[in-house]
Amino acid sequence: MDFRTLITTMTDAACRGDGSAVAACFTPDGVYHDCFYGSFRGAAIKDMVEHFFHRDATAFLWDIHEPVAHGDTGYARYVFSFESKLPEALGRRAIFEGVSICKLRDGLIQSYREVANSAAGLATLGFAPDRLAKILDREAKALMSRDEAKLHCPR
């Protein structure tokens, strides 16, 4: 399956809450690195979709734009939104823009992560500034811990 089909199959299944179909887009040892919920490997991807995504939100839309694959890496720009089920943001719609980064193996996703404008999306939910600051701090630390950031962030 080509990358466009793979990434849209995965995102469409996530929007439907079909964790098994999402997990089927990954290698058996594949990892979904979610910027809010953390990392989920293999069969745990199904649980993340069904027991985290759909616990906290509903009415998902996930549009993929300009997917491209080069060698064992796929990239796709996206616009993603949902309606919150969280008590402090009940019924509010959050919208995010980002880029999916996939490491591919044997026609499946071995590793999925995102670079997303999470602050804008969370601000639409009305999160308090201190809560946004904690999330942004966690994202900054994650970026600075990666190998490709070593020259940019001497320790």
N, C-alpha and C. Protein backbone atom coordinates (compact mmCIF):
# COMPACT_ATOMS: atom_id res chain seq x y z
N MET A 1 0.85 -1.17 0.00
CA MET A 1 0.00 0.00 0.00
C MET A 1 0.90 1.23 0.00
N ASP A 2 0.56 2.24 -0.79
CA ASP A 2 1.38 3.44 -0.83
C ASP A 2 1.17 4.27 0.44
N PHE A 3 2.06 5.24 0.66
CA PHE A 3 2.03 5.99 1.92
C PHE A 3 0.73 6.79 2.08
N ARG A 4 0.25 7.41 1.01
CA ARG A 4 -1.00 8.18 1.11
C ARG A 4 -2.14 7.27 1.61
N THR A 5 -2.25 6.09 1.05
CA THR A 5 -3.30 5.16 1.47
C THR A 5 -3.09 4.71 2.91
N LEU A 6 -1.85 4.41 3.27
CA LEU A 6 -1.53 3.97 4.63
C LEU A 6 -1.89 5.03 5.67
N ILE A 7 -1.46 6.26 5.47
CA ILE A 7 -1.69 7.31 6.47
C ILE A 7 -3.17 7.68 6.54
N THR A 8 -3.86 7.71 5.41
CA THR A 8 -5.30 8.03 5.48
C THR A 8 -6.10 6.86 6.05
N THR A 9 -5.67 5.63 5.81
CA THR A 9 -6.33 4.48 6.44
C THR A 9 -6.19 4.58 7.95
N MET A 10 -4.99 4.92 8.42
CA MET A 10 -4.74 5.04 9.85
C MET A 10 -5.55 6.17 10.47
N THR A 11 -5.54 7.34 9.86
CA THR A 11 -6.24 8.48 10.45
C THR A 11 -7.75 8.31 10.39
N ASP A 12 -8.26 7.76 9.29
CA ASP A 12 -9.71 7.51 9.21
C ASP A 12 -10.16 6.53 10.29
N ALA A 13 -9.37 5.48 10.52
CA ALA A 13 -9.70 4.50 11.57
C ALA A 13 -9.65 5.14 12.95
N ALA A 14 -8.67 6.01 13.19
CA ALA A 14 -8.59 6.70 14.48
C ALA A 14 -9.83 7.56 14.71
N CYS A 15 -10.28 8.24 13.68
CA CYS A 15 -11.48 9.08 13.81
C CYS A 15 -12.72 8.24 14.12
N ARG A 16 -12.80 7.05 13.56
CA ARG A 16 -13.93 6.14 13.82
C ARG A 16 -13.84 5.47 15.18
N GLY A 17 -12.67 5.49 15.79
CA GLY A 17 -12.46 4.79 17.05
C GLY A 17 -12.14 3.33 16.87
N ASP A 18 -11.69 2.95 15.69
CA ASP A 18 -11.36 1.56 15.38
C ASP A 18 -9.89 1.30 15.67
N GLY A 19 -9.59 1.03 16.93
CA GLY A 19 -8.22 0.83 17.35
C GLY A 19 -7.54 -0.34 16.66
N SER A 20 -8.29 -1.40 16.37
CA SER A 20 -7.70 -2.55 15.67
C SER A 20 -7.23 -2.16 14.28
N ALA A 21 -8.02 -1.36 13.58
CA ALA A 21 -7.63 -0.93 12.23
C ALA A 21 -6.44 0.02 12.28
N VAL A 22 -6.36 0.86 13.31
CA VAL A 22 -5.18 1.72 13.46
C VAL A 22 -3.96 0.85 13.69
N ALA A 23 -4.03 -0.07 14.64
CA ALA A 23 -2.89 -0.94 14.97
C ALA A 23 -2.45 -1.76 13.76
N ALA A 24 -3.39 -2.12 12.89
CA ALA A 24 -3.05 -2.91 11.69
C ALA A 24 -2.19 -2.12 10.70
N CYS A 25 -2.13 -0.82 10.84
CA CYS A 25 -1.29 0.02 9.98
C CYS A 25 0.15 0.07 10.47
N PHE A 26 0.41 -0.53 11.63
CA PHE A 26 1.73 -0.52 12.25
C PHE A 26 2.38 -1.90 12.19
N THR A 27 3.70 -1.91 12.21
CA THR A 27 4.42 -3.17 12.37
C THR A 27 4.09 -3.72 13.76
N PRO A 28 4.28 -5.03 13.99
CA PRO A 28 3.96 -5.59 15.31
C PRO A 28 4.67 -4.89 16.47
N ASP A 29 5.87 -4.37 16.21
CA ASP A 29 6.61 -3.65 17.25
C ASP A 29 6.52 -2.13 17.07
N GLY A 30 5.59 -1.69 16.23
CA GLY A 30 5.45 -0.27 15.93
C GLY A 30 5.08 0.55 17.14
N VAL A 31 5.45 1.84 17.09
CA VAL A 31 5.19 2.74 18.20
C VAL A 31 4.47 3.99 17.70
N TYR A 32 3.41 4.36 18.39
CA TYR A 32 2.69 5.61 18.16
C TYR A 32 3.09 6.55 19.29
N HIS A 33 3.82 7.60 18.96
CA HIS A 33 4.25 8.59 19.95
C HIS A 33 3.23 9.73 19.91
N ASP A 34 2.35 9.77 20.89
CA ASP A 34 1.32 10.81 20.94
C ASP A 34 1.82 11.96 21.80
N CYS A 35 1.66 13.19 21.31
CA CYS A 35 2.21 14.34 22.04
C CYS A 35 1.47 14.62 23.34
N PHE A 36 0.29 14.05 23.55
CA PHE A 36 -0.43 14.27 24.80
C PHE A 36 -0.43 13.04 25.71
N TYR A 37 -0.63 11.87 25.14
CA TYR A 37 -0.79 10.66 25.94
C TYR A 37 0.48 9.83 26.10
N GLY A 38 1.51 10.14 25.35
CA GLY A 38 2.75 9.38 25.46
C GLY A 38 2.90 8.36 24.34
N SER A 39 3.75 7.37 24.56
CA SER A 39 4.08 6.38 23.53
C SER A 39 3.37 5.06 23.80
N PHE A 40 2.88 4.46 22.71
CA PHE A 40 2.15 3.19 22.78
C PHE A 40 2.74 2.26 21.74
N ARG A 41 3.05 1.03 22.13
CA ARG A 41 3.72 0.06 21.26
C ARG A 41 2.82 -1.13 20.96
N GLY A 42 2.85 -1.58 19.71
CA GLY A 42 2.15 -2.79 19.31
C GLY A 42 0.67 -2.76 19.63
N ALA A 43 0.20 -3.79 20.33
CA ALA A 43 -1.23 -3.92 20.64
C ALA A 43 -1.76 -2.78 21.50
N ALA A 44 -0.88 -2.08 22.22
CA ALA A 44 -1.31 -0.96 23.06
C ALA A 44 -1.84 0.21 22.22
N ILE A 45 -1.50 0.25 20.93
CA ILE A 45 -2.01 1.31 20.05
C ILE A 45 -3.53 1.23 19.97
N LYS A 46 -4.07 0.03 19.89
CA LYS A 46 -5.53 -0.17 19.87
C LYS A 46 -6.17 0.46 21.11
N ASP A 47 -5.58 0.19 22.27
CA ASP A 47 -6.12 0.72 23.51
C ASP A 47 -6.03 2.24 23.57
N MET A 48 -4.95 2.81 23.06
CA MET A 48 -4.81 4.26 23.05
C MET A 48 -5.96 4.90 22.29
N VAL A 49 -6.24 4.38 21.12
CA VAL A 49 -7.31 4.95 20.29
C VAL A 49 -8.66 4.81 20.99
N GLU A 50 -8.94 3.61 21.47
CA GLU A 50 -10.27 3.33 22.02
C GLU A 50 -10.47 3.86 23.44
N HIS A 51 -9.39 3.90 24.24
CA HIS A 51 -9.56 4.24 25.66
C HIS A 51 -8.95 5.57 26.06
N PHE A 52 -8.28 6.26 25.16
CA PHE A 52 -7.75 7.59 25.44
C PHE A 52 -8.39 8.60 24.49
N PHE A 53 -8.13 8.45 23.18
CA PHE A 53 -8.70 9.38 22.21
C PHE A 53 -10.20 9.52 22.40
N HIS A 54 -10.89 8.40 22.35
CA HIS A 54 -12.36 8.44 22.34
C HIS A 54 -12.96 8.54 23.74
N ARG A 55 -12.14 8.47 24.76
CA ARG A 55 -12.60 8.77 26.13
C ARG A 55 -12.71 10.28 26.30
N ASP A 56 -11.75 11.01 25.74
CA ASP A 56 -11.62 12.43 26.00
C ASP A 56 -12.21 13.33 24.92
N ALA A 57 -12.62 12.75 23.78
CA ALA A 57 -13.11 13.58 22.68
C ALA A 57 -14.04 12.78 21.78
N THR A 58 -14.72 13.51 20.91
CA THR A 58 -15.64 12.92 19.94
C THR A 58 -15.63 13.78 18.67
N ALA A 59 -16.36 13.36 17.67
CA ALA A 59 -16.52 14.13 16.42
C ALA A 59 -15.16 14.52 15.82
N PHE A 60 -14.31 13.53 15.64
CA PHE A 60 -12.97 13.75 15.10
C PHE A 60 -13.01 14.03 13.60
N LEU A 61 -12.16 14.94 13.17
CA LEU A 61 -11.87 15.16 11.75
C LEU A 61 -10.35 15.21 11.63
N TRP A 62 -9.80 14.48 10.67
CA TRP A 62 -8.35 14.43 10.50
C TRP A 62 -8.08 14.41 9.01
N ASP A 63 -7.76 15.57 8.45
CA ASP A 63 -7.52 15.70 7.02
C ASP A 63 -6.03 15.66 6.73
N ILE A 64 -5.65 14.81 5.82
CA ILE A 64 -4.26 14.65 5.40
C ILE A 64 -4.04 15.46 4.13
N HIS A 65 -2.93 16.22 4.11
CA HIS A 65 -2.58 17.04 2.95
C HIS A 65 -1.13 16.77 2.57
N GLU A 66 -0.88 16.65 1.28
CA GLU A 66 0.46 16.56 0.72
C GLU A 66 1.33 15.46 1.32
N PRO A 67 0.82 14.23 1.45
CA PRO A 67 1.68 13.16 1.97
C PRO A 67 2.79 12.83 0.97
N VAL A 68 3.96 12.55 1.50
CA VAL A 68 5.09 12.21 0.66
C VAL A 68 5.95 11.19 1.40
N ALA A 69 6.48 10.24 0.67
CA ALA A 69 7.40 9.26 1.26
C ALA A 69 8.71 9.30 0.50
N HIS A 70 9.78 9.16 1.24
CA HIS A 70 11.12 9.09 0.66
C HIS A 70 11.87 8.01 1.41
N GLY A 71 12.19 6.93 0.72
CA GLY A 71 12.86 5.82 1.38
C GLY A 71 11.98 5.24 2.47
N ASP A 72 12.51 5.20 3.69
CA ASP A 72 11.75 4.61 4.79
C ASP A 72 11.07 5.66 5.67
N THR A 73 10.87 6.87 5.14
CA THR A 73 10.24 7.94 5.91
C THR A 73 9.08 8.54 5.13
N GLY A 74 7.96 8.74 5.83
CA GLY A 74 6.80 9.40 5.24
C GLY A 74 6.44 10.63 6.05
N TYR A 75 6.03 11.68 5.34
CA TYR A 75 5.60 12.92 5.97
C TYR A 75 4.22 13.29 5.43
N ALA A 76 3.39 13.86 6.27
CA ALA A 76 2.09 14.33 5.80
C ALA A 76 1.64 15.51 6.66
N ARG A 77 1.30 16.60 6.01
CA ARG A 77 0.72 17.74 6.73
C ARG A 77 -0.72 17.39 7.03
N TYR A 78 -1.22 17.85 8.18
CA TYR A 78 -2.61 17.56 8.52
C TYR A 78 -3.27 18.72 9.24
N VAL A 79 -4.59 18.70 9.20
CA VAL A 79 -5.43 19.53 10.06
C VAL A 79 -6.32 18.55 10.80
N PHE A 80 -6.36 18.67 12.12
CA PHE A 80 -7.03 17.71 13.00
C PHE A 80 -7.90 18.49 13.97
N SER A 81 -9.12 18.00 14.19
CA SER A 81 -9.97 18.66 15.18
C SER A 81 -10.86 17.63 15.86
N PHE A 82 -11.37 18.02 17.01
CA PHE A 82 -12.28 17.17 17.77
C PHE A 82 -13.11 18.03 18.70
N GLU A 83 -14.18 17.43 19.21
CA GLU A 83 -15.01 18.06 20.22
C GLU A 83 -14.65 17.44 21.56
N SER A 84 -14.31 18.27 22.52
CA SER A 84 -13.83 17.79 23.81
C SER A 84 -14.94 17.20 24.67
N LYS A 85 -14.59 16.12 25.39
CA LYS A 85 -15.44 15.54 26.42
C LYS A 85 -14.92 15.87 27.82
N LEU A 86 -13.79 16.57 27.89
CA LEU A 86 -13.22 16.92 29.19
C LEU A 86 -14.14 17.88 29.92
N PRO A 87 -14.37 17.68 31.20
CA PRO A 87 -15.32 18.54 31.93
C PRO A 87 -15.00 20.03 31.82
N GLU A 88 -13.73 20.39 31.85
CA GLU A 88 -13.36 21.80 31.81
C GLU A 88 -13.44 22.40 30.41
N ALA A 89 -13.68 21.58 29.40
CA ALA A 89 -13.76 22.07 28.02
C ALA A 89 -14.90 21.38 27.26
N LEU A 90 -15.88 20.90 27.97
CA LEU A 90 -16.96 20.09 27.39
C LEU A 90 -17.62 20.80 26.21
N GLY A 91 -17.63 20.11 25.07
CA GLY A 91 -18.30 20.62 23.89
C GLY A 91 -17.49 21.59 23.05
N ARG A 92 -16.35 22.02 23.52
CA ARG A 92 -15.52 22.95 22.74
C ARG A 92 -14.76 22.17 21.66
N ARG A 93 -14.61 22.82 20.52
CA ARG A 93 -13.89 22.20 19.41
C ARG A 93 -12.45 22.69 19.40
N ALA A 94 -11.53 21.77 19.37
CA ALA A 94 -10.10 22.09 19.27
C ALA A 94 -9.64 21.81 17.86
N ILE A 95 -8.75 22.64 17.35
CA ILE A 95 -8.21 22.43 16.00
C ILE A 95 -6.69 22.56 16.05
N PHE A 96 -6.03 21.64 15.38
CA PHE A 96 -4.57 21.57 15.36
C PHE A 96 -4.09 21.46 13.93
N GLU A 97 -2.91 22.01 13.68
CA GLU A 97 -2.23 21.79 12.41
C GLU A 97 -0.87 21.19 12.73
N GLY A 98 -0.44 20.27 11.92
CA GLY A 98 0.86 19.66 12.18
C GLY A 98 1.35 18.84 11.02
N VAL A 99 2.43 18.11 11.29
CA VAL A 99 3.03 17.21 10.31
C VAL A 99 3.26 15.87 10.98
N SER A 100 2.76 14.82 10.35
CA SER A 100 3.02 13.45 10.79
C SER A 100 4.36 13.01 10.21
N ILE A 101 5.16 12.35 11.04
CA ILE A 101 6.45 11.84 10.62
C ILE A 101 6.45 10.34 10.90
N CYS A 102 6.53 9.56 9.84
CA CYS A 102 6.44 8.10 9.97
C CYS A 102 7.72 7.44 9.50
N LYS A 103 8.25 6.55 10.31
CA LYS A 103 9.29 5.64 9.87
C LYS A 103 8.56 4.40 9.37
N LEU A 104 8.90 3.95 8.18
CA LEU A 104 8.18 2.87 7.52
C LEU A 104 9.04 1.62 7.41
N ARG A 105 8.37 0.47 7.50
CA ARG A 105 9.05 -0.81 7.31
C ARG A 105 8.05 -1.81 6.74
N ASP A 106 8.40 -2.43 5.66
CA ASP A 106 7.56 -3.46 5.03
C ASP A 106 6.15 -2.96 4.74
N GLY A 107 6.03 -1.71 4.31
CA GLY A 107 4.74 -1.15 3.94
C GLY A 107 3.86 -0.73 5.11
N LEU A 108 4.41 -0.75 6.32
CA LEU A 108 3.65 -0.37 7.52
C LEU A 108 4.42 0.70 8.30
N ILE A 109 3.74 1.29 9.27
CA ILE A 109 4.37 2.31 10.11
C ILE A 109 5.12 1.63 11.24
N GLN A 110 6.40 1.91 11.35
CA GLN A 110 7.18 1.38 12.47
C GLN A 110 7.22 2.38 13.61
N SER A 111 7.19 3.67 13.28
CA SER A 111 7.19 4.72 14.29
C SER A 111 6.41 5.91 13.75
N TYR A 112 5.50 6.43 14.58
CA TYR A 112 4.69 7.59 14.21
C TYR A 112 4.89 8.66 15.27
N ARG A 113 5.22 9.86 14.82
CA ARG A 113 5.26 11.01 15.73
C ARG A 113 4.80 12.24 14.96
N GLU A 114 4.61 13.32 15.69
CA GLU A 114 4.09 14.53 15.08
C GLU A 114 4.88 15.75 15.54
N VAL A 115 4.88 16.75 14.69
CA VAL A 115 5.25 18.10 15.07
C VAL A 115 3.97 18.89 14.86
N ALA A 116 3.43 19.41 15.96
CA ALA A 116 2.11 20.05 15.89
C ALA A 116 2.11 21.38 16.62
N ASN A 117 1.24 22.25 16.17
CA ASN A 117 1.01 23.50 16.87
C ASN A 117 -0.02 23.22 17.96
N SER A 118 0.45 22.58 19.02
CA SER A 118 -0.46 22.15 20.08
C SER A 118 -0.98 23.30 20.91
N ALA A 119 -0.19 24.36 21.08
CA ALA A 119 -0.63 25.48 21.92
C ALA A 119 -1.89 26.12 21.36
N ALA A 120 -1.94 26.33 20.06
CA ALA A 120 -3.12 26.95 19.46
C ALA A 120 -4.35 26.08 19.65
N GLY A 121 -4.19 24.78 19.45
CA GLY A 121 -5.32 23.87 19.62
C GLY A 121 -5.82 23.82 21.04
N LEU A 122 -4.90 23.77 21.99
CA LEU A 122 -5.30 23.71 23.39
C LEU A 122 -5.88 25.03 23.86
N ALA A 123 -5.41 26.13 23.29
CA ALA A 123 -5.99 27.43 23.65
C ALA A 123 -7.46 27.51 23.24
N THR A 124 -7.82 26.85 22.13
CA THR A 124 -9.22 26.86 21.71
C THR A 124 -10.11 26.11 22.70
N LEU A 125 -9.50 25.25 23.52
CA LEU A 125 -10.25 24.54 24.56
C LEU A 125 -10.41 25.38 25.82
N GLY A 126 -9.71 26.51 25.88
CA GLY A 126 -9.81 27.37 27.05
C GLY A 126 -8.94 26.93 28.21
N PHE A 127 -7.89 26.15 27.95
CA PHE A 127 -6.99 25.71 29.02
C PHE A 127 -6.32 26.92 29.65
N ALA A 128 -6.12 26.86 30.95
CA ALA A 128 -5.48 27.94 31.70
C ALA A 128 -4.03 28.08 31.25
N PRO A 129 -3.50 29.31 31.32
CA PRO A 129 -2.11 29.53 30.89
C PRO A 129 -1.09 28.63 31.58
N ASP A 130 -1.27 28.33 32.87
CA ASP A 130 -0.30 27.47 33.56
C ASP A 130 -0.34 26.04 33.03
N ARG A 131 -1.52 25.58 32.64
CA ARG A 131 -1.63 24.24 32.05
C ARG A 131 -0.96 24.20 30.68
N LEU A 132 -1.17 25.25 29.88
CA LEU A 132 -0.51 25.34 28.57
C LEU A 132 1.01 25.38 28.75
N ALA A 133 1.48 26.13 29.75
CA ALA A 133 2.92 26.25 29.99
C ALA A 133 3.53 24.89 30.31
N LYS A 134 2.84 24.07 31.09
CA LYS A 134 3.35 22.73 31.43
C LYS A 134 3.48 21.86 30.19
N ILE A 135 2.48 21.93 29.32
CA ILE A 135 2.51 21.13 28.09
C ILE A 135 3.64 21.60 27.18
N LEU A 136 3.77 22.92 27.03
CA LEU A 136 4.84 23.45 26.17
C LEU A 136 6.22 23.13 26.73
N ASP A 137 6.36 23.15 28.05
CA ASP A 137 7.63 22.79 28.68
C ASP A 137 7.97 21.33 28.38
N ARG A 138 6.99 20.45 28.47
CA ARG A 138 7.21 19.03 28.18
C ARG A 138 7.63 18.85 26.71
N GLU A 139 6.97 19.58 25.79
CA GLU A 139 7.33 19.49 24.38
C GLU A 139 8.75 20.00 24.13
N ALA A 140 9.11 21.10 24.80
CA ALA A 140 10.46 21.65 24.63
C ALA A 140 11.51 20.66 25.13
N LYS A 141 11.26 20.04 26.27
CA LYS A 141 12.21 19.06 26.81
C LYS A 141 12.34 17.85 25.89
N ALA A 142 11.23 17.42 25.32
CA ALA A 142 11.28 16.28 24.39
C ALA A 142 12.11 16.63 23.16
N LEU A 143 11.94 17.83 22.62
CA LEU A 143 12.72 18.26 21.47
C LEU A 143 14.20 18.33 21.82
N MET A 144 14.52 18.94 22.94
CA MET A 144 15.93 19.11 23.32
C MET A 144 16.62 17.79 23.63
N SER A 145 15.85 16.75 23.95
CA SER A 145 16.46 15.45 24.27
C SER A 145 16.79 14.62 23.04
N ARG A 146 16.30 15.03 21.87
CA ARG A 146 16.54 14.24 20.66
C ARG A 146 17.95 14.48 20.11
N ASP A 147 18.49 13.46 19.48
CA ASP A 147 19.85 13.53 18.93
C ASP A 147 20.03 14.70 17.98
N GLU A 148 19.04 14.95 17.12
CA GLU A 148 19.20 16.01 16.12
C GLU A 148 19.21 17.41 16.73
N ALA A 149 18.91 17.54 18.02
CA ALA A 149 18.92 18.85 18.68
C ALA A 149 20.21 19.10 19.46
N LYS A 150 21.10 18.13 19.51
CA LYS A 150 22.31 18.25 20.34
C LYS A 150 23.14 19.49 20.01
N LEU A 151 23.33 19.79 18.74
CA LEU A 151 24.12 20.96 18.36
C LEU A 151 23.41 22.27 18.70
N HIS A 152 22.10 22.22 18.76
CA HIS A 152 21.31 23.43 19.03
C HIS A 152 21.17 23.72 20.51
N CYS A 153 21.29 22.70 21.34
CA CYS A 153 21.03 22.81 22.78
C CYS A 153 22.17 22.16 23.56
N PRO A 154 23.34 22.78 23.59
CA PRO A 154 24.43 22.16 24.35
C PRO A 154 24.03 21.98 25.80
N ARG A 155 24.38 20.83 26.34
CA ARG A 155 23.98 20.54 27.72
C ARG A 155 25.03 20.94 28.69
